[in-house]
Structures are given as structure tokens and as C-alpha cells.
Amino acid sequence: NYVDSVKGRFTISVDNAKNTVFLQMNSLKPEDTGVYYCASRWAT
């Protein structure tokens, strides 16, 4: 799921073998500037 402002430009993916989640950000805009945080939670 994505916020509307990044749809079509950002892609989230996960590599469970490497315990890593990625955020590919293309066509970046000045309004994308900020501190980016990763978050996690147990999922039932």
C-alpha cells in the first residue's frame, strides 16, 4: 500500500532471506525531502 503522492514512483519490497525491506524511489521531487523511517510489527 502507498500514499497517493508516491504511487507509481516508489516501490516497497522485502527480501526475507536477507531480513531486509527496500524502498525504491524514482522520479524524486523536492517534496519527497525528509527523514525516512522504517517500522515493523508482528503480523497475525
PDB file of all heavy atoms in Angstrom:
ATOM      1  N   ASN A   1       0.855  -1.184   0.000  1.00  0.00           N
ATOM      2  CA  ASN A   1       0.000   0.000   0.000  1.00  0.00           C
ATOM      3  C   ASN A   1       0.888   1.229   0.000  1.00  0.00           C
ATOM      4  O   ASN A   1       1.985   1.205   0.593  1.00  0.00           O
ATOM      5  CB  ASN A   1      -0.909  -0.002   1.228  1.00  0.00           C
ATOM      6  CG  ASN A   1      -1.974   1.080   1.156  1.00  0.00           C
ATOM      7  OD1 ASN A   1      -1.776   2.196   1.610  1.00  0.00           O
ATOM      8  ND2 ASN A   1      -3.107   0.755   0.577  1.00  0.00           N
ATOM      9  N   TYR A   2       0.438   2.290  -0.673  1.00  0.00           N
ATOM     10  CA  TYR A   2       1.234   3.505  -0.798  1.00  0.00           C
ATOM     11  C   TYR A   2       0.372   4.741  -0.562  1.00  0.00           C
ATOM     12  O   TYR A   2      -0.824   4.752  -0.896  1.00  0.00           O
ATOM     13  CB  TYR A   2       1.836   3.619  -2.202  1.00  0.00           C
ATOM     14  CG  TYR A   2       2.732   2.483  -2.587  1.00  0.00           C
ATOM     15  CD1 TYR A   2       2.216   1.351  -3.217  1.00  0.00           C
ATOM     16  CD2 TYR A   2       4.109   2.533  -2.340  1.00  0.00           C
ATOM     17  CE1 TYR A   2       3.040   0.290  -3.574  1.00  0.00           C
ATOM     18  CE2 TYR A   2       4.935   1.490  -2.701  1.00  0.00           C
ATOM     19  CZ  TYR A   2       4.396   0.370  -3.314  1.00  0.00           C
ATOM     20  OH  TYR A   2       5.224  -0.674  -3.670  1.00  0.00           O
ATOM     21  N   VAL A   3       0.986   5.779  -0.063  1.00  0.00           N
ATOM     22  CA  VAL A   3       0.310   7.067  -0.013  1.00  0.00           C
ATOM     23  C   VAL A   3       0.167   7.554  -1.453  1.00  0.00           C
ATOM     24  O   VAL A   3       1.020   7.257  -2.314  1.00  0.00           O
ATOM     25  CB  VAL A   3       1.097   8.073   0.856  1.00  0.00           C
ATOM     26  CG1 VAL A   3       2.431   8.430   0.229  1.00  0.00           C
ATOM     27  CG2 VAL A   3       0.270   9.313   1.130  1.00  0.00           C
ATOM     28  N   ASP A   4      -0.903   8.269  -1.743  1.00  0.00           N
ATOM     29  CA  ASP A   4      -1.198   8.655  -3.118  1.00  0.00           C
ATOM     30  C   ASP A   4      -0.050   9.425  -3.777  1.00  0.00           C
ATOM     31  O   ASP A   4       0.213   9.263  -4.972  1.00  0.00           O
ATOM     32  CB  ASP A   4      -2.463   9.509  -3.164  1.00  0.00           C
ATOM     33  CG  ASP A   4      -3.724   8.681  -2.975  1.00  0.00           C
ATOM     34  OD1 ASP A   4      -3.648   7.442  -3.062  1.00  0.00           O
ATOM     35  OD2 ASP A   4      -4.784   9.280  -2.721  1.00  0.00           O
ATOM     36  N   SER A   5       0.637  10.237  -3.014  1.00  0.00           N
ATOM     37  CA  SER A   5       1.666  11.111  -3.590  1.00  0.00           C
ATOM     38  C   SER A   5       2.885  10.367  -4.120  1.00  0.00           C
ATOM     39  O   SER A   5       3.683  10.944  -4.865  1.00  0.00           O
ATOM     40  CB  SER A   5       2.114  12.142  -2.552  1.00  0.00           C
ATOM     41  OG  SER A   5       2.661  11.504  -1.410  1.00  0.00           O
ATOM     42  N   VAL A   6       3.053   9.088  -3.771  1.00  0.00           N
ATOM     43  CA  VAL A   6       4.215   8.331  -4.248  1.00  0.00           C
ATOM     44  C   VAL A   6       3.833   7.177  -5.160  1.00  0.00           C
ATOM     45  O   VAL A   6       4.719   6.502  -5.688  1.00  0.00           O
ATOM     46  CB  VAL A   6       5.075   7.800  -3.070  1.00  0.00           C
ATOM     47  CG1 VAL A   6       5.420   8.910  -2.095  1.00  0.00           C
ATOM     48  CG2 VAL A   6       4.415   6.627  -2.368  1.00  0.00           C
ATOM     49  N   LYS A   7       2.555   6.958  -5.354  1.00  0.00           N
ATOM     50  CA  LYS A   7       2.123   5.846  -6.210  1.00  0.00           C
ATOM     51  C   LYS A   7       2.680   6.018  -7.613  1.00  0.00           C
ATOM     52  O   LYS A   7       2.634   7.102  -8.195  1.00  0.00           O
ATOM     53  CB  LYS A   7       0.599   5.777  -6.253  1.00  0.00           C
ATOM     54  CG  LYS A   7      -0.022   5.213  -4.985  1.00  0.00           C
ATOM     55  CD  LYS A   7      -1.543   5.157  -5.083  1.00  0.00           C
ATOM     56  CE  LYS A   7      -2.136   4.589  -3.799  1.00  0.00           C
ATOM     57  NZ  LYS A   7      -3.622   4.580  -3.837  1.00  0.00           N
ATOM     58  N   GLY A   8       3.204   4.925  -8.161  1.00  0.00           N
ATOM     59  CA  GLY A   8       3.794   4.959  -9.486  1.00  0.00           C
ATOM     60  C   GLY A   8       5.249   5.396  -9.499  1.00  0.00           C
ATOM     61  O   GLY A   8       5.917   5.280 -10.525  1.00  0.00           O
ATOM     62  N   ARG A   9       5.746   5.904  -8.363  1.00  0.00           N
ATOM     63  CA  ARG A   9       7.147   6.351  -8.292  1.00  0.00           C
ATOM     64  C   ARG A   9       7.957   5.518  -7.297  1.00  0.00           C
ATOM     65  O   ARG A   9       9.149   5.292  -7.501  1.00  0.00           O
ATOM     66  CB  ARG A   9       7.209   7.819  -7.868  1.00  0.00           C
ATOM     67  CG  ARG A   9       6.510   8.763  -8.819  1.00  0.00           C
ATOM     68  CD  ARG A   9       6.786  10.225  -8.460  1.00  0.00           C
ATOM     69  NE  ARG A   9       6.286  10.590  -7.135  1.00  0.00           N
ATOM     70  CZ  ARG A   9       7.051  11.064  -6.151  1.00  0.00           C
ATOM     71  NH1 ARG A   9       8.349  11.222  -6.331  1.00  0.00           N
ATOM     72  NH2 ARG A   9       6.511  11.385  -4.978  1.00  0.00           N
ATOM     73  N   PHE A  10       7.335   5.099  -6.204  1.00  0.00           N
ATOM     74  CA  PHE A  10       8.028   4.337  -5.155  1.00  0.00           C
ATOM     75  C   PHE A  10       7.572   2.885  -5.193  1.00  0.00           C
ATOM     76  O   PHE A  10       6.409   2.592  -5.486  1.00  0.00           O
ATOM     77  CB  PHE A  10       7.720   4.904  -3.775  1.00  0.00           C
ATOM     78  CG  PHE A  10       8.326   6.249  -3.474  1.00  0.00           C
ATOM     79  CD1 PHE A  10       8.904   7.034  -4.463  1.00  0.00           C
ATOM     80  CD2 PHE A  10       8.312   6.741  -2.179  1.00  0.00           C
ATOM     81  CE1 PHE A  10       9.458   8.273  -4.175  1.00  0.00           C
ATOM     82  CE2 PHE A  10       8.858   7.975  -1.856  1.00  0.00           C
ATOM     83  CZ  PHE A  10       9.429   8.736  -2.870  1.00  0.00           C
ATOM     84  N   THR A  11       8.485   1.988  -4.837  1.00  0.00           N
ATOM     85  CA  THR A  11       8.159   0.573  -4.736  1.00  0.00           C
ATOM     86  C   THR A  11       8.761   0.008  -3.461  1.00  0.00           C
ATOM     87  O   THR A  11       9.972   0.133  -3.236  1.00  0.00           O
ATOM     88  CB  THR A  11       8.698  -0.210  -5.939  1.00  0.00           C
ATOM     89  OG1 THR A  11       8.168   0.339  -7.154  1.00  0.00           O
ATOM     90  CG2 THR A  11       8.299  -1.680  -5.832  1.00  0.00           C
ATOM     91  N   ILE A  12       7.922  -0.620  -2.650  1.00  0.00           N
ATOM     92  CA  ILE A  12       8.398  -1.296  -1.439  1.00  0.00           C
ATOM     93  C   ILE A  12       8.514  -2.781  -1.731  1.00  0.00           C
ATOM     94  O   ILE A  12       7.674  -3.364  -2.424  1.00  0.00           O
ATOM     95  CB  ILE A  12       7.458  -1.026  -0.239  1.00  0.00           C
ATOM     96  CG1 ILE A  12       8.057  -1.574   1.053  1.00  0.00           C
ATOM     97  CG2 ILE A  12       6.052  -1.572  -0.490  1.00  0.00           C
ATOM     98  CD1 ILE A  12       7.284  -1.163   2.307  1.00  0.00           C
ATOM     99  N   SER A  13       9.572  -3.396  -1.217  1.00  0.00           N
ATOM    100  CA  SER A  13       9.771  -4.819  -1.421  1.00  0.00           C
ATOM    101  C   SER A  13      10.507  -5.390  -0.218  1.00  0.00           C
ATOM    102  O   SER A  13      11.073  -4.643   0.585  1.00  0.00           O
ATOM    103  CB  SER A  13      10.551  -5.093  -2.706  1.00  0.00           C
ATOM    104  OG  SER A  13      11.833  -4.498  -2.634  1.00  0.00           O
ATOM    105  N   VAL A  14      10.488  -6.698  -0.104  1.00  0.00           N
ATOM    106  CA  VAL A  14      11.124  -7.342   1.041  1.00  0.00           C
ATOM    107  C   VAL A  14      11.902  -8.560   0.574  1.00  0.00           C
ATOM    108  O   VAL A  14      11.492  -9.268  -0.349  1.00  0.00           O
ATOM    109  CB  VAL A  14      10.063  -7.721   2.101  1.00  0.00           C
ATOM    110  CG1 VAL A  14       9.080  -8.746   1.559  1.00  0.00           C
ATOM    111  CG2 VAL A  14      10.718  -8.213   3.380  1.00  0.00           C
ATOM    112  N   ASP A  15      13.035  -8.771   1.179  1.00  0.00           N
ATOM    113  CA  ASP A  15      13.858  -9.952   0.961  1.00  0.00           C
ATOM    114  C   ASP A  15      13.980 -10.656   2.303  1.00  0.00           C
ATOM    115  O   ASP A  15      14.810 -10.292   3.131  1.00  0.00           O
ATOM    116  CB  ASP A  15      15.229  -9.560   0.413  1.00  0.00           C
ATOM    117  CG  ASP A  15      16.076 -10.758   0.040  1.00  0.00           C
ATOM    118  OD1 ASP A  15      15.826 -11.870   0.579  1.00  0.00           O
ATOM    119  OD2 ASP A  15      16.996 -10.602  -0.770  1.00  0.00           O
ATOM    120  N   ASN A  16      13.121 -11.648   2.513  1.00  0.00           N
ATOM    121  CA  ASN A  16      13.098 -12.312   3.821  1.00  0.00           C
ATOM    122  C   ASN A  16      14.383 -13.085   4.086  1.00  0.00           C
ATOM    123  O   ASN A  16      14.788 -13.255   5.230  1.00  0.00           O
ATOM    124  CB  ASN A  16      11.892 -13.236   3.919  1.00  0.00           C
ATOM    125  CG  ASN A  16      10.602 -12.470   4.159  1.00  0.00           C
ATOM    126  OD1 ASN A  16      10.586 -11.448   4.824  1.00  0.00           O
ATOM    127  ND2 ASN A  16       9.507 -12.954   3.600  1.00  0.00           N
ATOM    128  N   ALA A  17      15.036 -13.545   3.043  1.00  0.00           N
ATOM    129  CA  ALA A  17      16.290 -14.287   3.227  1.00  0.00           C
ATOM    130  C   ALA A  17      17.381 -13.377   3.794  1.00  0.00           C
ATOM    131  O   ALA A  17      18.270 -13.843   4.503  1.00  0.00           O
ATOM    132  CB  ALA A  17      16.736 -14.893   1.908  1.00  0.00           C
ATOM    133  N   LYS A  18      17.287 -12.087   3.464  1.00  0.00           N
ATOM    134  CA  LYS A  18      18.279 -11.125   3.941  1.00  0.00           C
ATOM    135  C   LYS A  18      17.758 -10.270   5.092  1.00  0.00           C
ATOM    136  O   LYS A  18      18.443  -9.358   5.542  1.00  0.00           O
ATOM    137  CB  LYS A  18      18.722 -10.224   2.789  1.00  0.00           C
ATOM    138  CG  LYS A  18      19.443 -10.964   1.677  1.00  0.00           C
ATOM    139  CD  LYS A  18      19.898 -10.011   0.585  1.00  0.00           C
ATOM    140  CE  LYS A  18      20.656 -10.743  -0.506  1.00  0.00           C
ATOM    141  NZ  LYS A  18      21.114  -9.835  -1.577  1.00  0.00           N
ATOM    142  N   ASN A  19      16.532 -10.548   5.531  1.00  0.00           N
ATOM    143  CA  ASN A  19      15.925  -9.752   6.612  1.00  0.00           C
ATOM    144  C   ASN A  19      15.959  -8.259   6.296  1.00  0.00           C
ATOM    145  O   ASN A  19      16.276  -7.432   7.168  1.00  0.00           O
ATOM    146  CB  ASN A  19      16.622 -10.004   7.944  1.00  0.00           C
ATOM    147  CG  ASN A  19      16.282 -11.365   8.522  1.00  0.00           C
ATOM    148  OD1 ASN A  19      15.534 -12.125   7.919  1.00  0.00           O
ATOM    149  ND2 ASN A  19      16.836 -11.667   9.670  1.00  0.00           N
ATOM    150  N   THR A  20      15.626  -7.912   5.078  1.00  0.00           N
ATOM    151  CA  THR A  20      15.745  -6.524   4.634  1.00  0.00           C
ATOM    152  C   THR A  20      14.506  -6.105   3.849  1.00  0.00           C
ATOM    153  O   THR A  20      13.990  -6.876   3.043  1.00  0.00           O
ATOM    154  CB  THR A  20      16.998  -6.337   3.764  1.00  0.00           C
ATOM    155  OG1 THR A  20      18.155  -6.726   4.518  1.00  0.00           O
ATOM    156  CG2 THR A  20      17.147  -4.894   3.332  1.00  0.00           C
ATOM    157  N   VAL A  21      14.065  -4.875   4.110  1.00  0.00           N
ATOM    158  CA  VAL A  21      12.995  -4.277   3.320  1.00  0.00           C
ATOM    159  C   VAL A  21      13.587  -3.087   2.574  1.00  0.00           C
ATOM    160  O   VAL A  21      14.479  -2.402   3.082  1.00  0.00           O
ATOM    161  CB  VAL A  21      11.805  -3.856   4.206  1.00  0.00           C
ATOM    162  CG1 VAL A  21      12.206  -2.795   5.204  1.00  0.00           C
ATOM    163  CG2 VAL A  21      10.633  -3.405   3.358  1.00  0.00           C
ATOM    164  N   PHE A  22      13.116  -2.874   1.360  1.00  0.00           N
ATOM    165  CA  PHE A  22      13.644  -1.831   0.494  1.00  0.00           C
ATOM    166  C   PHE A  22      12.548  -0.836   0.126  1.00  0.00           C
ATOM    167  O   PHE A  22      11.364  -1.179   0.092  1.00  0.00           O
ATOM    168  CB  PHE A  22      14.213  -2.439  -0.785  1.00  0.00           C
ATOM    169  CG  PHE A  22      15.269  -3.477  -0.554  1.00  0.00           C
ATOM    170  CD1 PHE A  22      14.941  -4.826  -0.572  1.00  0.00           C
ATOM    171  CD2 PHE A  22      16.587  -3.113  -0.332  1.00  0.00           C
ATOM    172  CE1 PHE A  22      15.907  -5.796  -0.361  1.00  0.00           C
ATOM    173  CE2 PHE A  22      17.562  -4.070  -0.122  1.00  0.00           C
ATOM    174  CZ  PHE A  22      17.229  -5.418  -0.138  1.00  0.00           C
ATOM    175  N   LEU A  23      12.966   0.369  -0.177  1.00  0.00           N
ATOM    176  CA  LEU A  23      12.080   1.364  -0.757  1.00  0.00           C
ATOM    177  C   LEU A  23      12.804   1.976  -1.953  1.00  0.00           C
ATOM    178  O   LEU A  23      13.743   2.757  -1.771  1.00  0.00           O
ATOM    179  CB  LEU A  23      11.699   2.441   0.250  1.00  0.00           C
ATOM    180  CG  LEU A  23      10.649   3.450  -0.247  1.00  0.00           C
ATOM    181  CD1 LEU A  23       9.304   2.752  -0.446  1.00  0.00           C
ATOM    182  CD2 LEU A  23      10.503   4.626   0.717  1.00  0.00           C
ATOM    183  N   GLN A  24      12.395   1.568  -3.142  1.00  0.00           N
ATOM    184  CA  GLN A  24      12.950   2.124  -4.366  1.00  0.00           C
ATOM    185  C   GLN A  24      12.189   3.394  -4.688  1.00  0.00           C
ATOM    186  O   GLN A  24      10.966   3.354  -4.854  1.00  0.00           O
ATOM    187  CB  GLN A  24      12.836   1.131  -5.518  1.00  0.00           C
ATOM    188  CG  GLN A  24      13.351   1.648  -6.844  1.00  0.00           C
ATOM    189  CD  GLN A  24      14.849   1.889  -6.843  1.00  0.00           C
ATOM    190  OE1 GLN A  24      15.617   1.068  -6.336  1.00  0.00           O
ATOM    191  NE2 GLN A  24      15.274   3.014  -7.397  1.00  0.00           N
ATOM    192  N   MET A  25      12.908   4.505  -4.780  1.00  0.00           N
ATOM    193  CA  MET A  25      12.275   5.804  -5.011  1.00  0.00           C
ATOM    194  C   MET A  25      12.770   6.373  -6.329  1.00  0.00           C
ATOM    195  O   MET A  25      13.960   6.666  -6.474  1.00  0.00           O
ATOM    196  CB  MET A  25      12.595   6.757  -3.853  1.00  0.00           C
ATOM    197  CG  MET A  25      12.239   6.190  -2.481  1.00  0.00           C
ATOM    198  SD  MET A  25      12.444   7.377  -1.141  1.00  0.00           S
ATOM    199  CE  MET A  25      14.213   7.625  -1.197  1.00  0.00           C
ATOM    200  N   ASN A  26      11.874   6.503  -7.285  1.00  0.00           N
ATOM    201  CA  ASN A  26      12.197   7.046  -8.603  1.00  0.00           C
ATOM    202  C   ASN A  26      11.470   8.373  -8.813  1.00  0.00           C
ATOM    203  O   ASN A  26      10.517   8.686  -8.109  1.00  0.00           O
ATOM    204  CB  ASN A  26      11.798   6.060  -9.691  1.00  0.00           C
ATOM    205  CG  ASN A  26      12.525   4.743  -9.580  1.00  0.00           C
ATOM    206  OD1 ASN A  26      13.676   4.684  -9.138  1.00  0.00           O
ATOM    207  ND2 ASN A  26      11.865   3.658  -9.982  1.00  0.00           N
ATOM    208  N   SER A  27      11.925   9.122  -9.803  1.00  0.00           N
ATOM    209  CA  SER A  27      11.301  10.406 -10.150  1.00  0.00           C
ATOM    210  C   SER A  27      11.100  11.269  -8.908  1.00  0.00           C
ATOM    211  O   SER A  27      10.021  11.821  -8.674  1.00  0.00           O
ATOM    212  CB  SER A  27       9.954  10.169 -10.846  1.00  0.00           C
ATOM    213  OG  SER A  27      10.116   9.384 -12.000  1.00  0.00           O
ATOM    214  N   LEU A  28      12.146  11.388  -8.133  1.00  0.00           N
ATOM    215  CA  LEU A  28      12.055  12.105  -6.866  1.00  0.00           C
ATOM    216  C   LEU A  28      11.750  13.576  -7.071  1.00  0.00           C
ATOM    217  O   LEU A  28      12.200  14.199  -8.050  1.00  0.00           O
ATOM    218  CB  LEU A  28      13.334  11.927  -6.060  1.00  0.00           C
ATOM    219  CG  LEU A  28      13.449  10.564  -5.368  1.00  0.00           C
ATOM    220  CD1 LEU A  28      14.892  10.263  -4.988  1.00  0.00           C
ATOM    221  CD2 LEU A  28      12.561  10.526  -4.137  1.00  0.00           C
ATOM    222  N   LYS A  29      11.007  14.123  -6.128  1.00  0.00           N
ATOM    223  CA  LYS A  29      10.599  15.524  -6.153  1.00  0.00           C
ATOM    224  C   LYS A  29      11.090  16.209  -4.876  1.00  0.00           C
ATOM    225  O   LYS A  29      11.290  15.544  -3.858  1.00  0.00           O
ATOM    226  CB  LYS A  29       9.081  15.625  -6.221  1.00  0.00           C
ATOM    227  CG  LYS A  29       8.440  14.894  -7.378  1.00  0.00           C
ATOM    228  CD  LYS A  29       6.928  14.955  -7.296  1.00  0.00           C
ATOM    229  CE  LYS A  29       6.274  14.217  -8.440  1.00  0.00           C
ATOM    230  NZ  LYS A  29       4.785  14.281  -8.366  1.00  0.00           N
ATOM    231  N   PRO A  30      11.257  17.521  -4.919  1.00  0.00           N
ATOM    232  CA  PRO A  30      11.693  18.226  -3.697  1.00  0.00           C
ATOM    233  C   PRO A  30      10.782  17.959  -2.502  1.00  0.00           C
ATOM    234  O   PRO A  30      11.265  17.905  -1.365  1.00  0.00           O
ATOM    235  CB  PRO A  30      11.663  19.695  -4.121  1.00  0.00           C
ATOM    236  CG  PRO A  30      11.934  19.659  -5.589  1.00  0.00           C
ATOM    237  CD  PRO A  30      11.234  18.422  -6.082  1.00  0.00           C
ATOM    238  N   GLU A  31       9.503  17.754  -2.752  1.00  0.00           N
ATOM    239  CA  GLU A  31       8.573  17.490  -1.652  1.00  0.00           C
ATOM    240  C   GLU A  31       8.744  16.104  -1.040  1.00  0.00           C
ATOM    241  O   GLU A  31       8.108  15.793  -0.037  1.00  0.00           O
ATOM    242  CB  GLU A  31       7.125  17.686  -2.093  1.00  0.00           C
ATOM    243  CG  GLU A  31       6.744  16.956  -3.358  1.00  0.00           C
ATOM    244  CD  GLU A  31       6.849  17.852  -4.584  1.00  0.00           C
ATOM    245  OE1 GLU A  31       7.833  18.605  -4.726  1.00  0.00           O
ATOM    246  OE2 GLU A  31       5.914  17.763  -5.431  1.00  0.00           O
ATOM    247  N   ASP A  32       9.596  15.286  -1.616  1.00  0.00           N
ATOM    248  CA  ASP A  32       9.922  13.986  -1.017  1.00  0.00           C
ATOM    249  C   ASP A  32      11.009  14.117   0.057  1.00  0.00           C
ATOM    250  O   ASP A  32      11.337  13.140   0.732  1.00  0.00           O
ATOM    251  CB  ASP A  32      10.395  12.995  -2.075  1.00  0.00           C
ATOM    252  CG  ASP A  32       9.317  12.635  -3.070  1.00  0.00           C
ATOM    253  OD1 ASP A  32       8.163  12.431  -2.647  1.00  0.00           O
ATOM    254  OD2 ASP A  32       9.629  12.554  -4.279  1.00  0.00           O
ATOM    255  N   THR A  33      11.562  15.290   0.193  1.00  0.00           N
ATOM    256  CA  THR A  33      12.611  15.525   1.178  1.00  0.00           C
ATOM    257  C   THR A  33      12.116  15.267   2.593  1.00  0.00           C
ATOM    258  O   THR A  33      11.007  15.658   2.955  1.00  0.00           O
ATOM    259  CB  THR A  33      13.124  16.970   1.072  1.00  0.00           C
ATOM    260  OG1 THR A  33      13.788  17.138  -0.188  1.00  0.00           O
ATOM    261  CG2 THR A  33      14.095  17.306   2.201  1.00  0.00           C
ATOM    262  N   GLY A  34      12.953  14.602   3.392  1.00  0.00           N
ATOM    263  CA  GLY A  34      12.603  14.339   4.777  1.00  0.00           C
ATOM    264  C   GLY A  34      13.452  13.227   5.351  1.00  0.00           C
ATOM    265  O   GLY A  34      14.305  12.659   4.662  1.00  0.00           O
ATOM    266  N   VAL A  35      13.195  12.928   6.603  1.00  0.00           N
ATOM    267  CA  VAL A  35      13.825  11.778   7.241  1.00  0.00           C
ATOM    268  C   VAL A  35      12.891  10.591   7.058  1.00  0.00           C
ATOM    269  O   VAL A  35      11.706  10.661   7.395  1.00  0.00           O
ATOM    270  CB  VAL A  35      14.086  12.026   8.742  1.00  0.00           C
ATOM    271  CG1 VAL A  35      14.703  10.785   9.377  1.00  0.00           C
ATOM    272  CG2 VAL A  35      14.989  13.236   8.922  1.00  0.00           C
ATOM    273  N   TYR A  36      13.430   9.524   6.527  1.00  0.00           N
ATOM    274  CA  TYR A  36      12.651   8.324   6.242  1.00  0.00           C
ATOM    275  C   TYR A  36      12.912   7.281   7.318  1.00  0.00           C
ATOM    276  O   TYR A  36      14.068   6.969   7.618  1.00  0.00           O
ATOM    277  CB  TYR A  36      13.001   7.771   4.863  1.00  0.00           C
ATOM    278  CG  TYR A  36      12.350   8.543   3.751  1.00  0.00           C
ATOM    279  CD1 TYR A  36      12.728   9.848   3.462  1.00  0.00           C
ATOM    280  CD2 TYR A  36      11.319   7.979   2.990  1.00  0.00           C
ATOM    281  CE1 TYR A  36      12.112  10.573   2.453  1.00  0.00           C
ATOM    282  CE2 TYR A  36      10.697   8.701   1.975  1.00  0.00           C
ATOM    283  CZ  TYR A  36      11.100  10.004   1.721  1.00  0.00           C
ATOM    284  OH  TYR A  36      10.484  10.713   0.719  1.00  0.00           O
ATOM    285  N   TYR A  37      11.818   6.760   7.874  1.00  0.00           N
ATOM    286  CA  TYR A  37      11.888   5.786   8.945  1.00  0.00           C
ATOM    287  C   TYR A  37      11.299   4.456   8.502  1.00  0.00           C
ATOM    288  O   TYR A  37      10.239   4.404   7.875  1.00  0.00           O
ATOM    289  CB  TYR A  37      11.107   6.270  10.159  1.00  0.00           C
ATOM    290  CG  TYR A  37      11.630   7.536  10.782  1.00  0.00           C
ATOM    291  CD1 TYR A  37      11.153   8.781  10.369  1.00  0.00           C
ATOM    292  CD2 TYR A  37      12.586   7.497  11.784  1.00  0.00           C
ATOM    293  CE1 TYR A  37      11.632   9.958  10.940  1.00  0.00           C
ATOM    294  CE2 TYR A  37      13.057   8.653  12.367  1.00  0.00           C
ATOM    295  CZ  TYR A  37      12.574   9.878  11.942  1.00  0.00           C
ATOM    296  OH  TYR A  37      13.046  11.026  12.516  1.00  0.00           O
ATOM    297  N   CYS A  38      11.958   3.407   8.909  1.00  0.00           N
ATOM    298  CA  CYS A  38      11.465   2.048   8.725  1.00  0.00           C
ATOM    299  C   CYS A  38      10.764   1.622  10.012  1.00  0.00           C
ATOM    300  O   CYS A  38      11.218   1.964  11.114  1.00  0.00           O
ATOM    301  CB  CYS A  38      12.659   1.152   8.420  1.00  0.00           C
ATOM    302  SG  CYS A  38      12.326  -0.595   8.360  1.00  0.00           S
ATOM    303  N   ALA A  39       9.678   0.856   9.879  1.00  0.00           N
ATOM    304  CA  ALA A  39       8.946   0.392  11.054  1.00  0.00           C
ATOM    305  C   ALA A  39       8.511  -1.058  10.841  1.00  0.00           C
ATOM    306  O   ALA A  39       8.327  -1.485   9.691  1.00  0.00           O
ATOM    307  CB  ALA A  39       7.730   1.272  11.306  1.00  0.00           C
ATOM    308  N   SER A  40       8.318  -1.772  11.938  1.00  0.00           N
ATOM    309  CA  SER A  40       7.878  -3.163  11.819  1.00  0.00           C
ATOM    310  C   SER A  40       6.958  -3.541  12.975  1.00  0.00           C
ATOM    311  O   SER A  40       6.942  -2.891  14.022  1.00  0.00           O
ATOM    312  CB  SER A  40       9.080  -4.105  11.783  1.00  0.00           C
ATOM    313  OG  SER A  40       9.683  -4.191  13.055  1.00  0.00           O
ATOM    314  N   ARG A  41       6.191  -4.589  12.752  1.00  0.00           N
ATOM    315  CA  ARG A  41       5.346  -5.135  13.801  1.00  0.00           C
ATOM    316  C   ARG A  41       5.039  -6.593  13.471  1.00  0.00           C
ATOM    317  O   ARG A  41       5.008  -6.996  12.292  1.00  0.00           O
ATOM    318  CB  ARG A  41       4.040  -4.364  13.928  1.00  0.00           C
ATOM    319  CG  ARG A  41       3.168  -4.392  12.701  1.00  0.00           C
ATOM    320  CD  ARG A  41       1.722  -4.136  13.034  1.00  0.00           C
ATOM    321  NE  ARG A  41       1.106  -5.280  13.712  1.00  0.00           N
ATOM    322  CZ  ARG A  41       0.009  -5.196  14.433  1.00  0.00           C
ATOM    323  NH1 ARG A  41      -0.612  -4.030  14.589  1.00  0.00           N
ATOM    324  NH2 ARG A  41      -0.495  -6.270  14.998  1.00  0.00           N
ATOM    325  N   TRP A  42       4.790  -7.367  14.497  1.00  0.00           N
ATOM    326  CA  TRP A  42       4.361  -8.749  14.336  1.00  0.00           C
ATOM    327  C   TRP A  42       2.996  -8.757  13.650  1.00  0.00           C
ATOM    328  O   TRP A  42       2.118  -7.966  13.996  1.00  0.00           O
ATOM    329  CB  TRP A  42       4.272  -9.428  15.695  1.00  0.00           C
ATOM    330  CG  TRP A  42       3.691 -10.805  15.648  1.00  0.00           C
ATOM    331  CD1 TRP A  42       2.384 -11.155  15.827  1.00  0.00           C
ATOM    332  CD2 TRP A  42       4.388 -12.017  15.376  1.00  0.00           C
ATOM    333  NE1 TRP A  42       2.231 -12.504  15.700  1.00  0.00           N
ATOM    334  CE2 TRP A  42       3.442 -13.070  15.432  1.00  0.00           C
ATOM    335  CE3 TRP A  42       5.727 -12.322  15.118  1.00  0.00           C
ATOM    336  CZ2 TRP A  42       3.797 -14.395  15.230  1.00  0.00           C
ATOM    337  CZ3 TRP A  42       6.065 -13.649  14.925  1.00  0.00           C
ATOM    338  CH2 TRP A  42       5.125 -14.666  14.981  1.00  0.00           C
ATOM    339  N   ALA A  43       2.820  -9.646  12.688  1.00  0.00           N
ATOM    340  CA  ALA A  43       1.552  -9.743  11.980  1.00  0.00           C
ATOM    341  C   ALA A  43       0.918 -11.108  12.244  1.00  0.00           C
ATOM    342  O   ALA A  43       1.538 -12.143  12.000  1.00  0.00           O
ATOM    343  CB  ALA A  43       1.774  -9.552  10.482  1.00  0.00           C
ATOM    344  N   THR A  44      -0.328 -11.097  12.725  1.00  0.00           N
ATOM    345  CA  THR A  44      -1.020 -12.357  12.991  1.00  0.00           C
ATOM    346  C   THR A  44      -1.321 -13.104  11.694  1.00  0.00           C
ATOM    347  O   THR A  44      -1.465 -14.325  11.696  1.00  0.00           O
ATOM    348  CB  THR A  44      -2.328 -12.096  13.753  1.00  0.00           C
ATOM    349  OG1 THR A  44      -3.114 -11.166  12.999  1.00  0.00           O
ATOM    350  CG2 THR A  44      -2.044 -11.523  15.132  1.00  0.00           C
TER     351      THR A  44
END
